[in-house]
């Protein structure tokens, strides 16, 4: 073989070897940069506050919760991930962004760690957001509900209360009061972190009116003022009953009192005044002086219904208020604190006799 040909063969052989070595270096470097860091991330369990960048924290299981704000760039997200020790290099992250052409979507995501850059990018470009499950129990007030959503990281309590008092939302749902108190259905909800409070309130109100249409079809022919009266009644029943089958009877008792011009004398309204208006702790028991507190919500002092609901009624209380039991009872008294059962009486004499029997036990 001529020397020139041998030189050409050696040249190409060396070139191929260099190519193999370069490819190995590139592949090895890519694999290294794509792999998660060996050191644990430098993130706490509480979300950082403020700024244009979203929340980034570890949940109780060690997974990454990351919020991408609208308008935030892939470069910004990469820099955050590098600083937190989630990825090895933001430069490799940026190169992946240019090569893939996929755009990171705004939202909140949950990513199990450790995770490669490719896996993290796949999650952030998929749009499959992480949703927080929030269960709102029956009988909570607006303030308590707002605090629940704040603790879950969905929205700030102040923003929730402001949205619940928004004239725009009140008018959209034909609620005649000053807030959405009573019209936010207690249920389990799924929301992203840092979600607009107005959307949270609107979703809960939508749920309320959907449920109301099913359990009280007659509400469709009622005026907003008539519905509001029933919702106020339902909120009182919600805070009074403990045994499901007694709810409609209690509603019947309260309607009987109203029809005869009596005061409702609901202890639940007094507790509402003390805890929600005066900011006092929940009382273990009511004293006579508590019943004398001056407030339009105190039904021991004021005739008729209070001016607004005192809590979020659930299905049982709403059904009771819209379809009360036809009864001749005017009084009820708790007789079994363990299971929450009440004694219902037609006269004050019967009511007092039941109280005397309880004292004599």
Foldseek 3Di string as FASTA:
>chain_A
DDPVVVVVVVVVVVVVVVVVVVVVVVVVVLVVQQFADPDQWQFAADFDDDDPAFTWHAHPVRWIKGFGAPPRAQLNVLVVCCNRRQGVDSVSSVVVCVVVVQGFDGFIATGGPNGTSVVVSCRRRVPPHAWFKFFFDFLAWLQVVLVSCVVSQAAHSVQLFCLQQDPVLCVVLVAPDRGCTQQQAGGIDIGTGPHRSNVNRNVRNVVSVVLCCVLQVVCVVDHNVVLQLLSQQLSLLRVQAQDLVCSLVLLQLQVVCLVVFHQSQRVLLLQLCVCVVVVHPRDPDDDPVSLVDDDLSNSSPHHDGRPGHSHHGHSSSSSSSNPHDNDLFNDWAQQDPVRRDIDTDNDVVVVVVSVVVSVVD
